[in-house]
Amino acid sequence: MKQFTINSNDQGQRLDKFLTKLMPNLPNAMLYKSLRKDCVKINGKHVKDAAYKLKEGEIVNLYFKDEFFEAPSYSDEFVKIKPNLNILYEDKNLLLIDKPQGICVHEDTNQNPDNLLNHIKSYLYKKGEYNPNLENTFSPSLANRIDRGTGGIVIAAKNAETLRIINEKIKNKEVKKYYLCLAGGIFENKTGEIKGYLLRDEKTKTVTVFDSPQANAKEILTLYKVVEEFPMHSLVEAELKTGRTHQIRASFAHISHPLLGDRKYGDSNINKRFNYTYQALYAYKLRFEFLEDAGILEYLNHKEFKVENVSFMQNKKGSN
């Protein structure tokens, strides 16, 4: 038998979701069968309702074999890291981090611990705002992700309620995301929209944009505005109305304006003329536009955050 006390980051969760996080090795069928067989007690009473919403302070006793519980996930890898973060904004609920280009947000295939999330955990741990030994299922988490080669604003939630709210607001398009990019060529229309259908190839980890619907393709929409023009390329602001993998990079390549430095969707002849290590793309601005109550985050409504010094802007004219 194992006992857990529901804390502020556990409250509000469905019982089955909570159990799944605690016992990832337990098959779903066995989980629900175990509920029917009175394997879960809350405050001393058997609970069979999988949808039961947990409350802070409740005592949960679980009568399961130890083999179903995940080995302690707490690792001191992030503690060893000296946090290096460019914090754009911070309050008791969240962090807005300006992620440099070239940094992974999570562990990569080589399981490199030197990633953005571990830097965030280390920072909060050293501040005394996060202790994995006091949490049942929650750890600081990212509400949005950007590619390794793309820089810009990433939202990190310090508690479960913030993560839930931000995820919902992003899903409902109440968090506006704006990017700056350098695109090859001169745009005939200085403002416009790029519509299409994006299909992902899991084998190559690339996407293709089509003008007409395709099987398994997802509809995309990107708004753009030319900010400045140069002889061979343009500085463009792009707003994501849908958030798909590589959407901006593939969309601009599809309309023959590939991003400078993009080795996956760009033009190698154009890239040879410019000295960019990564694609010239930066998530430089974020605005909260809540249409409905945002609970503990309501104070953020109508606030805008902006990165003033975008890395590739130091050489936006490029080098011929």
C-alpha atoms as a PDB file:
ATOM      1  CA  MET A   1       0.000   0.000   0.000  1.00  0.00           C
ATOM      2  CA  LYS A   2       1.208   3.488  -0.872  1.00  0.00           C
ATOM      3  CA  GLN A   3      -0.211   6.723   0.515  1.00  0.00           C
ATOM      4  CA  PHE A   4      -0.323  10.140  -1.147  1.00  0.00           C
ATOM      5  CA  THR A   5      -1.545  13.530   0.028  1.00  0.00           C
ATOM      6  CA  ILE A   6      -3.230  15.617  -2.654  1.00  0.00           C
ATOM      7  CA  ASN A   7      -1.491  18.972  -3.002  1.00  0.00           C
ATOM      8  CA  SER A   8      -2.400  22.136  -4.894  1.00  0.00           C
ATOM      9  CA  ASN A   9      -0.912  20.808  -8.126  1.00  0.00           C
ATOM     10  CA  ASP A  10      -2.908  17.565  -7.916  1.00  0.00           C
ATOM     11  CA  GLN A  11      -6.302  19.033  -7.059  1.00  0.00           C
ATOM     12  CA  GLY A  12      -8.949  19.154  -9.746  1.00  0.00           C
ATOM     13  CA  GLN A  13      -7.555  16.124 -11.580  1.00  0.00           C
ATOM     14  CA  ARG A  14      -9.740  13.153 -12.407  1.00  0.00           C
ATOM     15  CA  LEU A  15      -8.854  10.181 -10.253  1.00  0.00           C
ATOM     16  CA  ASP A  16      -7.999   7.967 -13.241  1.00  0.00           C
ATOM     17  CA  LYS A  17      -5.668  10.600 -14.700  1.00  0.00           C
ATOM     18  CA  PHE A  18      -3.898  10.925 -11.361  1.00  0.00           C
ATOM     19  CA  LEU A  19      -3.491   7.149 -11.096  1.00  0.00           C
ATOM     20  CA  THR A  20      -2.177   6.889 -14.650  1.00  0.00           C
ATOM     21  CA  LYS A  21       0.584   9.377 -13.866  1.00  0.00           C
ATOM     22  CA  LEU A  22       1.512   7.583 -10.657  1.00  0.00           C
ATOM     23  CA  MET A  23       1.385   4.114 -12.224  1.00  0.00           C
ATOM     24  CA  PRO A  24       2.357   4.329 -15.892  1.00  0.00           C
ATOM     25  CA  ASN A  25       3.103   0.590 -15.874  1.00  0.00           C
ATOM     26  CA  LEU A  26      -0.495  -0.303 -14.990  1.00  0.00           C
ATOM     27  CA  PRO A  27      -2.623  -1.276 -18.045  1.00  0.00           C
ATOM     28  CA  ASN A  28      -5.789   0.817 -18.449  1.00  0.00           C
ATOM     29  CA  ALA A  29      -8.063  -2.208 -18.266  1.00  0.00           C
ATOM     30  CA  MET A  30      -6.504  -3.254 -14.978  1.00  0.00           C
ATOM     31  CA  LEU A  31      -6.763   0.281 -13.612  1.00  0.00           C
ATOM     32  CA  TYR A  32     -10.536   0.441 -14.046  1.00  0.00           C
ATOM     33  CA  LYS A  33     -10.935  -3.148 -12.861  1.00  0.00           C
ATOM     34  CA  SER A  34      -8.945  -2.261  -9.730  1.00  0.00           C
ATOM     35  CA  LEU A  35     -11.247   0.683  -9.033  1.00  0.00           C
ATOM     36  CA  ARG A  36     -14.224  -1.678  -9.115  1.00  0.00           C
ATOM     37  CA  LYS A  37     -12.382  -4.010  -6.721  1.00  0.00           C
ATOM     38  CA  ASP A  38     -11.912  -1.269  -4.111  1.00  0.00           C
ATOM     39  CA  CYS A  39      -8.154  -0.829  -4.577  1.00  0.00           C
ATOM     40  CA  VAL A  40      -8.407   2.940  -3.990  1.00  0.00           C
ATOM     41  CA  LYS A  41      -9.346   4.696  -0.780  1.00  0.00           C
ATOM     42  CA  ILE A  42      -9.728   8.441  -0.337  1.00  0.00           C
ATOM     43  CA  ASN A  43      -9.893   9.677   3.247  1.00  0.00           C
ATOM     44  CA  GLY A  44     -10.520   6.110   4.338  1.00  0.00           C
ATOM     45  CA  LYS A  45     -13.427   5.441   1.960  1.00  0.00           C
ATOM     46  CA  HIS A  46     -13.372   3.255  -1.134  1.00  0.00           C
ATOM     47  CA  VAL A  47     -13.818   5.280  -4.339  1.00  0.00           C
ATOM     48  CA  LYS A  48     -14.856   3.566  -7.588  1.00  0.00           C
ATOM     49  CA  ASP A  49     -15.668   6.634  -9.706  1.00  0.00           C
ATOM     50  CA  ALA A  50     -12.843   7.146 -12.230  1.00  0.00           C
ATOM     51  CA  ALA A  51     -14.066  10.695 -12.879  1.00  0.00           C
ATOM     52  CA  TYR A  52     -13.882  11.699  -9.215  1.00  0.00           C
ATOM     53  CA  LYS A  53     -12.189  15.121  -8.910  1.00  0.00           C
ATOM     54  CA  LEU A  54      -9.435  15.198  -6.325  1.00  0.00           C
ATOM     55  CA  LYS A  55      -9.398  17.882  -3.614  1.00  0.00           C
ATOM     56  CA  GLU A  56      -6.395  19.406  -1.891  1.00  0.00           C
ATOM     57  CA  GLY A  57      -5.592  17.783   1.428  1.00  0.00           C
ATOM     58  CA  GLU A  58      -7.243  14.447   0.672  1.00  0.00           C
ATOM     59  CA  ILE A  59      -5.366  11.279   1.633  1.00  0.00           C
ATOM     60  CA  VAL A  60      -5.223   8.666  -1.118  1.00  0.00           C
ATOM     61  CA  ASN A  61      -4.327   5.073  -0.276  1.00  0.00           C
ATOM     62  CA  LEU A  62      -3.497   2.793  -3.194  1.00  0.00           C
ATOM     63  CA  TYR A  63      -3.516  -0.992  -2.881  1.00  0.00           C
ATOM     64  CA  PHE A  64      -1.427  -1.984  -5.907  1.00  0.00           C
ATOM     65  CA  LYS A  65       1.731  -4.013  -6.406  1.00  0.00           C
ATOM     66  CA  ASP A  66       4.935  -1.984  -6.307  1.00  0.00           C
ATOM     67  CA  GLU A  67       5.808  -3.080  -9.846  1.00  0.00           C
ATOM     68  CA  PHE A  68       3.085  -0.820 -11.243  1.00  0.00           C
ATOM     69  CA  PHE A  69       4.537   2.315  -9.725  1.00  0.00           C
ATOM     70  CA  GLU A  70       7.072   4.194 -11.741  1.00  0.00           C
ATOM     71  CA  ALA A  71      10.574   4.196 -10.365  1.00  0.00           C
ATOM     72  CA  PRO A  72      11.248   7.617  -8.805  1.00  0.00           C
ATOM     73  CA  SER A  73      11.548   9.999 -11.740  1.00  0.00           C
ATOM     74  CA  TYR A  74      13.475  12.544  -9.706  1.00  0.00           C
ATOM     75  CA  SER A  75      16.922  12.921 -11.177  1.00  0.00           C
ATOM     76  CA  ASP A  76      19.579  15.311  -9.995  1.00  0.00           C
ATOM     77  CA  GLU A  77      20.604  16.045 -13.590  1.00  0.00           C
ATOM     78  CA  PHE A  78      18.850  19.410 -13.589  1.00  0.00           C
ATOM     79  CA  VAL A  79      20.248  20.241 -10.132  1.00  0.00           C
ATOM     80  CA  LYS A  80      23.776  19.947 -11.525  1.00  0.00           C
ATOM     81  CA  ILE A  81      22.991  22.524 -14.194  1.00  0.00           C
ATOM     82  CA  LYS A  82      23.865  26.143 -13.575  1.00  0.00           C
ATOM     83  CA  PRO A  83      20.698  27.836 -14.849  1.00  0.00           C
ATOM     84  CA  ASN A  84      21.224  30.175 -17.766  1.00  0.00           C
ATOM     85  CA  LEU A  85      17.945  31.796 -18.757  1.00  0.00           C
ATOM     86  CA  ASN A  86      16.964  34.999 -20.492  1.00  0.00           C
ATOM     87  CA  ILE A  87      13.808  35.742 -18.500  1.00  0.00           C
ATOM     88  CA  LEU A  88      11.483  38.122 -20.286  1.00  0.00           C
ATOM     89  CA  TYR A  89       8.834  38.057 -17.550  1.00  0.00           C
ATOM     90  CA  GLU A  90       8.190  36.182 -14.306  1.00  0.00           C
ATOM     91  CA  ASP A  91       5.485  36.045 -11.642  1.00  0.00           C
ATOM     92  CA  LYS A  92       4.309  33.451  -9.121  1.00  0.00           C
ATOM     93  CA  ASN A  93       2.542  31.403 -11.804  1.00  0.00           C
ATOM     94  CA  LEU A  94       4.705  31.430 -14.898  1.00  0.00           C
ATOM     95  CA  LEU A  95       7.886  32.367 -16.707  1.00  0.00           C
ATOM     96  CA  LEU A  96       8.287  33.796 -20.199  1.00  0.00           C
ATOM     97  CA  ILE A  97      11.690  32.710 -21.485  1.00  0.00           C
ATOM     98  CA  ASP A  98      13.504  34.077 -24.523  1.00  0.00           C
ATOM     99  CA  LYS A  99      14.959  30.823 -25.865  1.00  0.00           C
ATOM    100  CA  PRO A 100      18.126  31.241 -27.949  1.00  0.00           C
ATOM    101  CA  GLN A 101      18.401  29.557 -31.314  1.00  0.00           C
ATOM    102  CA  GLY A 102      20.186  26.213 -31.121  1.00  0.00           C
ATOM    103  CA  ILE A 103      18.787  25.180 -27.724  1.00  0.00           C
ATOM    104  CA  CYS A 104      16.402  22.194 -27.404  1.00  0.00           C
ATOM    105  CA  VAL A 105      13.333  22.748 -25.253  1.00  0.00           C
ATOM    106  CA  HIS A 106      13.333  19.095 -24.106  1.00  0.00           C
ATOM    107  CA  GLU A 107      15.806  16.225 -24.164  1.00  0.00           C
ATOM    108  CA  ASP A 108      16.820  15.344 -27.708  1.00  0.00           C
ATOM    109  CA  THR A 109      17.400  11.844 -29.062  1.00  0.00           C
ATOM    110  CA  ASN A 110      20.791  11.838 -27.334  1.00  0.00           C
ATOM    111  CA  GLN A 111      19.036  12.566 -24.005  1.00  0.00           C
ATOM    112  CA  ASN A 112      21.162  15.652 -23.492  1.00  0.00           C
ATOM    113  CA  PRO A 113      20.209  17.098 -20.078  1.00  0.00           C
ATOM    114  CA  ASP A 114      21.367  20.565 -21.160  1.00  0.00           C
ATOM    115  CA  ASN A 115      17.957  21.672 -22.428  1.00  0.00           C
ATOM    116  CA  LEU A 116      15.657  24.587 -21.708  1.00  0.00           C
ATOM    117  CA  LEU A 117      13.266  22.704 -19.438  1.00  0.00           C
ATOM    118  CA  ASN A 118      16.074  21.459 -17.201  1.00  0.00           C
ATOM    119  CA  HIS A 119      17.452  24.994 -16.932  1.00  0.00           C
ATOM    120  CA  ILE A 120      13.984  26.136 -15.839  1.00  0.00           C
ATOM    121  CA  LYS A 121      13.706  23.329 -13.267  1.00  0.00           C
ATOM    122  CA  SER A 122      17.172  24.127 -11.932  1.00  0.00           C
ATOM    123  CA  TYR A 123      16.330  27.827 -11.679  1.00  0.00           C
ATOM    124  CA  LEU A 124      13.095  27.179  -9.759  1.00  0.00           C
ATOM    125  CA  TYR A 125      14.735  24.505  -7.588  1.00  0.00           C
ATOM    126  CA  LYS A 126      17.508  26.851  -6.540  1.00  0.00           C
ATOM    127  CA  LYS A 127      14.919  29.573  -5.822  1.00  0.00           C
ATOM    128  CA  GLY A 128      13.043  27.157  -3.589  1.00  0.00           C
ATOM    129  CA  GLU A 129       9.941  27.231  -5.788  1.00  0.00           C
ATOM    130  CA  TYR A 130      10.187  23.618  -6.954  1.00  0.00           C
ATOM    131  CA  ASN A 131      11.038  20.472  -5.031  1.00  0.00           C
ATOM    132  CA  PRO A 132      10.365  17.192  -6.871  1.00  0.00           C
ATOM    133  CA  ASN A 133      10.274  15.312  -3.577  1.00  0.00           C
ATOM    134  CA  LEU A 134       7.170  17.272  -2.536  1.00  0.00           C
ATOM    135  CA  GLU A 135       5.249  16.663  -5.772  1.00  0.00           C
ATOM    136  CA  ASN A 136       3.195  13.600  -6.691  1.00  0.00           C
ATOM    137  CA  THR A 137       2.700  14.124 -10.417  1.00  0.00           C
ATOM    138  CA  PHE A 138       3.617  17.722 -11.359  1.00  0.00           C
ATOM    139  CA  SER A 139       6.850  19.317 -12.456  1.00  0.00           C
ATOM    140  CA  PRO A 140       7.394  22.705 -14.144  1.00  0.00           C
ATOM    141  CA  SER A 141       6.229  22.336 -17.735  1.00  0.00           C
ATOM    142  CA  LEU A 142       6.263  24.150 -21.060  1.00  0.00           C
ATOM    143  CA  ALA A 143       2.943  25.277 -22.494  1.00  0.00           C
ATOM    144  CA  ASN A 144       4.366  25.883 -25.968  1.00  0.00           C
ATOM    145  CA  ARG A 145       7.361  24.604 -27.887  1.00  0.00           C
ATOM    146  CA  ILE A 146       9.506  25.933 -30.688  1.00  0.00           C
ATOM    147  CA  ASP A 147      12.071  24.185 -32.871  1.00  0.00           C
ATOM    148  CA  ARG A 148      15.687  23.955 -31.801  1.00  0.00           C
ATOM    149  CA  GLY A 149      16.771  26.267 -34.614  1.00  0.00           C
ATOM    150  CA  THR A 150      14.030  28.813 -33.894  1.00  0.00           C
ATOM    151  CA  GLY A 151      14.441  31.327 -31.096  1.00  0.00           C
ATOM    152  CA  GLY A 152      11.851  33.198 -29.096  1.00  0.00           C
ATOM    153  CA  ILE A 153       9.286  33.221 -26.328  1.00  0.00           C
ATOM    154  CA  VAL A 154       8.443  30.004 -24.496  1.00  0.00           C
ATOM    155  CA  ILE A 155       5.838  29.860 -21.702  1.00  0.00           C
ATOM    156  CA  ALA A 156       6.773  27.815 -18.618  1.00  0.00           C
ATOM    157  CA  ALA A 157       4.095  27.010 -16.032  1.00  0.00           C
ATOM    158  CA  LYS A 158       5.112  26.890 -12.370  1.00  0.00           C
ATOM    159  CA  ASN A 159       1.962  25.080 -11.240  1.00  0.00           C
ATOM    160  CA  ALA A 160      -0.651  22.723 -12.647  1.00  0.00           C
ATOM    161  CA  GLU A 161      -3.490  25.267 -12.694  1.00  0.00           C
ATOM    162  CA  THR A 162      -1.439  27.666 -14.792  1.00  0.00           C
ATOM    163  CA  LEU A 163      -0.529  24.887 -17.222  1.00  0.00           C
ATOM    164  CA  ARG A 164      -4.176  23.872 -17.558  1.00  0.00           C
ATOM    165  CA  ILE A 165      -5.334  27.454 -18.216  1.00  0.00           C
ATOM    166  CA  ILE A 166      -2.573  28.318 -20.699  1.00  0.00           C
ATOM    167  CA  ASN A 167      -3.086  25.079 -22.625  1.00  0.00           C
ATOM    168  CA  GLU A 168      -6.801  25.854 -22.869  1.00  0.00           C
ATOM    169  CA  LYS A 169      -6.173  29.442 -23.974  1.00  0.00           C
ATOM    170  CA  ILE A 170      -3.706  28.336 -26.644  1.00  0.00           C
ATOM    171  CA  LYS A 171      -6.193  25.734 -27.868  1.00  0.00           C
ATOM    172  CA  ASN A 172      -8.906  28.424 -28.051  1.00  0.00           C
ATOM    173  CA  LYS A 173      -6.535  30.809 -29.872  1.00  0.00           C
ATOM    174  CA  GLU A 174      -6.564  33.320 -27.023  1.00  0.00           C
ATOM    175  CA  VAL A 175      -2.750  33.531 -26.991  1.00  0.00           C
ATOM    176  CA  LYS A 176      -1.506  35.414 -30.054  1.00  0.00           C
ATOM    177  CA  LYS A 177       1.937  34.463 -31.380  1.00  0.00           C
ATOM    178  CA  TYR A 178       3.979  36.638 -33.726  1.00  0.00           C
ATOM    179  CA  TYR A 179       7.228  35.779 -35.494  1.00  0.00           C
ATOM    180  CA  LEU A 180       9.902  37.769 -37.302  1.00  0.00           C
ATOM    181  CA  CYS A 181      11.640  36.130 -40.225  1.00  0.00           C
ATOM    182  CA  LEU A 182      13.882  36.920 -43.164  1.00  0.00           C
ATOM    183  CA  ALA A 183      12.336  35.512 -46.329  1.00  0.00           C
ATOM    184  CA  GLY A 184      13.992  35.279 -49.710  1.00  0.00           C
ATOM    185  CA  GLY A 185      12.844  37.636 -52.468  1.00  0.00           C
ATOM    186  CA  ILE A 186      10.496  40.616 -52.597  1.00  0.00           C
ATOM    187  CA  PHE A 187       6.803  40.079 -51.874  1.00  0.00           C
ATOM    188  CA  GLU A 188       4.358  41.292 -54.489  1.00  0.00           C
ATOM    189  CA  ASN A 189       1.674  41.695 -51.805  1.00  0.00           C
ATOM    190  CA  LYS A 190       3.048  43.419 -48.713  1.00  0.00           C
ATOM    191  CA  THR A 191       0.344  41.948 -46.472  1.00  0.00           C
ATOM    192  CA  GLY A 192      -1.578  38.752 -46.941  1.00  0.00           C
ATOM    193  CA  GLU A 193      -2.346  35.272 -45.776  1.00  0.00           C
ATOM    194  CA  ILE A 194      -0.985  31.848 -46.649  1.00  0.00           C
ATOM    195  CA  LYS A 195      -3.598  29.108 -46.654  1.00  0.00           C
ATOM    196  CA  GLY A 196      -2.929  25.476 -47.324  1.00  0.00           C
ATOM    197  CA  TYR A 197      -2.952  21.897 -46.133  1.00  0.00           C
ATOM    198  CA  LEU A 198       0.068  20.560 -44.278  1.00  0.00           C
ATOM    199  CA  LEU A 199       1.043  16.908 -44.401  1.00  0.00           C
ATOM    200  CA  ARG A 200       3.708  15.507 -42.082  1.00  0.00           C
ATOM    201  CA  ASP A 201       6.056  12.693 -43.069  1.00  0.00           C
ATOM    202  CA  GLU A 202       7.025  10.865 -39.873  1.00  0.00           C
ATOM    203  CA  LYS A 203       9.932   9.056 -41.549  1.00  0.00           C
ATOM    204  CA  THR A 204      11.710  12.179 -42.766  1.00  0.00           C
ATOM    205  CA  LYS A 205      10.374  14.489 -40.022  1.00  0.00           C
ATOM    206  CA  THR A 206       9.432  17.022 -42.680  1.00  0.00           C
ATOM    207  CA  VAL A 207       6.158  18.542 -43.831  1.00  0.00           C
ATOM    208  CA  THR A 208       4.720  19.455 -47.213  1.00  0.00           C
ATOM    209  CA  VAL A 209       2.166  22.176 -47.937  1.00  0.00           C
ATOM    210  CA  PHE A 210      -0.540  21.634 -50.566  1.00  0.00           C
ATOM    211  CA  ASP A 211      -3.044  24.090 -52.009  1.00  0.00           C
ATOM    212  CA  SER A 212      -5.891  21.572 -51.920  1.00  0.00           C
ATOM    213  CA  PRO A 213      -7.072  19.067 -49.267  1.00  0.00           C
ATOM    214  CA  GLN A 214      -5.052  15.862 -48.951  1.00  0.00           C
ATOM    215  CA  ALA A 215      -5.620  12.700 -46.961  1.00  0.00           C
ATOM    216  CA  ASN A 216      -4.407  13.210 -43.362  1.00  0.00           C
ATOM    217  CA  ALA A 217      -3.298  16.788 -44.101  1.00  0.00           C
ATOM    218  CA  LYS A 218      -4.229  19.549 -41.650  1.00  0.00           C
ATOM    219  CA  GLU A 219      -5.493  22.960 -42.661  1.00  0.00           C
ATOM    220  CA  ILE A 220      -3.126  25.857 -41.947  1.00  0.00           C
ATOM    221  CA  LEU A 221      -3.350  29.633 -41.993  1.00  0.00           C
ATOM    222  CA  THR A 222      -0.547  32.152 -41.574  1.00  0.00           C
ATOM    223  CA  LEU A 223      -0.925  35.936 -41.767  1.00  0.00           C
ATOM    224  CA  TYR A 224       2.061  38.020 -42.831  1.00  0.00           C
ATOM    225  CA  LYS A 225       3.170  41.642 -43.124  1.00  0.00           C
ATOM    226  CA  VAL A 226       6.354  42.892 -44.803  1.00  0.00           C
ATOM    227  CA  VAL A 227       8.248  45.120 -42.368  1.00  0.00           C
ATOM    228  CA  GLU A 228      11.325  46.024 -44.411  1.00  0.00           C
ATOM    229  CA  GLU A 229      12.776  45.174 -47.810  1.00  0.00           C
ATOM    230  CA  PHE A 230      16.323  44.566 -48.982  1.00  0.00           C
ATOM    231  CA  PRO A 231      17.669  43.880 -52.468  1.00  0.00           C
ATOM    232  CA  MET A 232      17.394  40.099 -52.182  1.00  0.00           C
ATOM    233  CA  HIS A 233      15.084  39.400 -49.222  1.00  0.00           C
ATOM    234  CA  SER A 234      12.423  40.799 -46.912  1.00  0.00           C
ATOM    235  CA  LEU A 235      11.934  41.174 -43.178  1.00  0.00           C
ATOM    236  CA  VAL A 236       8.455  39.822 -42.462  1.00  0.00           C
ATOM    237  CA  GLU A 237       6.189  39.556 -39.425  1.00  0.00           C
ATOM    238  CA  ALA A 238       4.105  36.374 -39.389  1.00  0.00           C
ATOM    239  CA  GLU A 239       1.149  35.548 -37.144  1.00  0.00           C
ATOM    240  CA  LEU A 240       0.135  31.954 -36.635  1.00  0.00           C
ATOM    241  CA  LYS A 241      -3.597  31.380 -36.803  1.00  0.00           C
ATOM    242  CA  THR A 242      -2.972  27.622 -36.664  1.00  0.00           C
ATOM    243  CA  GLY A 243       0.033  26.088 -34.967  1.00  0.00           C
ATOM    244  CA  ARG A 244       1.384  23.182 -36.988  1.00  0.00           C
ATOM    245  CA  THR A 245       4.852  21.656 -37.167  1.00  0.00           C
ATOM    246  CA  HIS A 246       7.213  23.808 -39.283  1.00  0.00           C
ATOM    247  CA  GLN A 247       4.195  25.804 -40.468  1.00  0.00           C
ATOM    248  CA  ILE A 248       5.935  29.120 -41.159  1.00  0.00           C
ATOM    249  CA  ARG A 249       9.032  27.578 -42.694  1.00  0.00           C
ATOM    250  CA  ALA A 250       7.103  25.274 -45.025  1.00  0.00           C
ATOM    251  CA  SER A 251       4.444  27.887 -45.876  1.00  0.00           C
ATOM    252  CA  PHE A 252       6.933  30.538 -46.977  1.00  0.00           C
ATOM    253  CA  ALA A 253       8.899  27.977 -48.980  1.00  0.00           C
ATOM    254  CA  HIS A 254       5.621  26.909 -50.627  1.00  0.00           C
ATOM    255  CA  ILE A 255       5.038  30.450 -51.942  1.00  0.00           C
ATOM    256  CA  SER A 256       8.650  30.693 -53.161  1.00  0.00           C
ATOM    257  CA  HIS A 257       9.904  32.874 -50.301  1.00  0.00           C
ATOM    258  CA  PRO A 258      11.965  30.381 -48.249  1.00  0.00           C
ATOM    259  CA  LEU A 259      13.510  31.556 -45.004  1.00  0.00           C
ATOM    260  CA  LEU A 260      17.172  32.456 -45.028  1.00  0.00           C
ATOM    261  CA  GLY A 261      19.336  29.831 -43.370  1.00  0.00           C
ATOM    262  CA  ASP A 262      16.659  27.130 -43.516  1.00  0.00           C
ATOM    263  CA  ARG A 263      18.494  23.950 -44.457  1.00  0.00           C
ATOM    264  CA  LYS A 264      15.350  21.837 -44.530  1.00  0.00           C
ATOM    265  CA  TYR A 265      12.935  23.916 -46.601  1.00  0.00           C
ATOM    266  CA  GLY A 266      15.189  26.697 -47.878  1.00  0.00           C
ATOM    267  CA  ASP A 267      17.104  27.366 -51.075  1.00  0.00           C
ATOM    268  CA  SER A 268      20.739  26.228 -50.850  1.00  0.00           C
ATOM    269  CA  ASN A 269      21.818  28.834 -53.416  1.00  0.00           C
ATOM    270  CA  ILE A 270      20.276  31.625 -51.341  1.00  0.00           C
ATOM    271  CA  ASN A 271      21.669  30.212 -48.100  1.00  0.00           C
ATOM    272  CA  LYS A 272      25.208  30.236 -49.484  1.00  0.00           C
ATOM    273  CA  ARG A 273      25.001  34.015 -49.765  1.00  0.00           C
ATOM    274  CA  PHE A 274      24.122  34.527 -46.118  1.00  0.00           C
ATOM    275  CA  ASN A 275      25.887  33.560 -42.936  1.00  0.00           C
ATOM    276  CA  TYR A 276      23.089  32.189 -40.734  1.00  0.00           C
ATOM    277  CA  THR A 277      23.689  29.128 -38.558  1.00  0.00           C
ATOM    278  CA  TYR A 278      19.935  28.556 -38.157  1.00  0.00           C
ATOM    279  CA  GLN A 279      16.798  29.577 -40.018  1.00  0.00           C
ATOM    280  CA  ALA A 280      16.092  33.304 -39.626  1.00  0.00           C
ATOM    281  CA  LEU A 281      12.922  32.819 -37.582  1.00  0.00           C
ATOM    282  CA  TYR A 282      12.085  34.159 -34.123  1.00  0.00           C
ATOM    283  CA  ALA A 283       8.943  33.985 -31.978  1.00  0.00           C
ATOM    284  CA  TYR A 284       9.455  37.581 -30.901  1.00  0.00           C
ATOM    285  CA  LYS A 285       6.046  38.707 -29.613  1.00  0.00           C
ATOM    286  CA  LEU A 286       3.207  37.224 -27.577  1.00  0.00           C
ATOM    287  CA  ARG A 287      -0.125  38.742 -26.552  1.00  0.00           C
ATOM    288  CA  PHE A 288      -2.767  37.411 -24.183  1.00  0.00           C
ATOM    289  CA  GLU A 289      -6.281  38.093 -25.466  1.00  0.00           C
ATOM    290  CA  PHE A 290      -8.636  36.142 -23.198  1.00  0.00           C
ATOM    291  CA  LEU A 291     -12.214  35.915 -24.390  1.00  0.00           C
ATOM    292  CA  GLU A 292     -13.408  34.194 -21.222  1.00  0.00           C
ATOM    293  CA  ASP A 293     -12.332  34.259 -17.584  1.00  0.00           C
ATOM    294  CA  ALA A 294      -8.751  33.057 -17.095  1.00  0.00           C
ATOM    295  CA  GLY A 295      -8.966  32.343 -13.386  1.00  0.00           C
ATOM    296  CA  ILE A 296      -5.670  32.917 -11.599  1.00  0.00           C
ATOM    297  CA  LEU A 297      -4.179  34.333 -14.825  1.00  0.00           C
ATOM    298  CA  GLU A 298      -6.842  36.958 -15.530  1.00  0.00           C
ATOM    299  CA  TYR A 299      -4.306  39.693 -14.668  1.00  0.00           C
ATOM    300  CA  LEU A 300      -2.438  38.844 -17.896  1.00  0.00           C
ATOM    301  CA  ASN A 301      -5.368  39.702 -20.166  1.00  0.00           C
ATOM    302  CA  HIS A 302      -4.476  42.211 -22.920  1.00  0.00           C
ATOM    303  CA  LYS A 303      -0.798  42.181 -21.918  1.00  0.00           C
ATOM    304  CA  GLU A 304       1.866  41.955 -24.598  1.00  0.00           C
ATOM    305  CA  PHE A 305       5.465  40.776 -24.295  1.00  0.00           C
ATOM    306  CA  LYS A 306       8.138  41.379 -26.870  1.00  0.00           C
ATOM    307  CA  VAL A 307      11.777  40.441 -27.457  1.00  0.00           C
ATOM    308  CA  GLU A 308      13.583  43.662 -28.349  1.00  0.00           C
ATOM    309  CA  ASN A 309      16.894  42.175 -29.508  1.00  0.00           C
ATOM    310  CA  VAL A 310      16.232  39.388 -31.999  1.00  0.00           C
ATOM    311  CA  SER A 311      19.521  37.607 -32.687  1.00  0.00           C
ATOM    312  CA  PHE A 312      19.443  37.492 -36.495  1.00  0.00           C
ATOM    313  CA  MET A 313      18.433  41.166 -36.651  1.00  0.00           C
ATOM    314  CA  GLN A 314      22.037  42.100 -35.873  1.00  0.00           C
ATOM    315  CA  ASN A 315      22.764  41.214 -39.481  1.00  0.00           C
ATOM    316  CA  LYS A 316      19.352  41.492 -41.093  1.00  0.00           C
ATOM    317  CA  LYS A 317      20.818  42.786 -44.339  1.00  0.00           C
ATOM    318  CA  GLY A 318      22.871  39.626 -44.582  1.00  0.00           C
ATOM    319  CA  SER A 319      26.223  39.358 -46.286  1.00  0.00           C
ATOM    320  CA  ASN A 320      26.628  38.846 -50.013  1.00  0.00           C
END
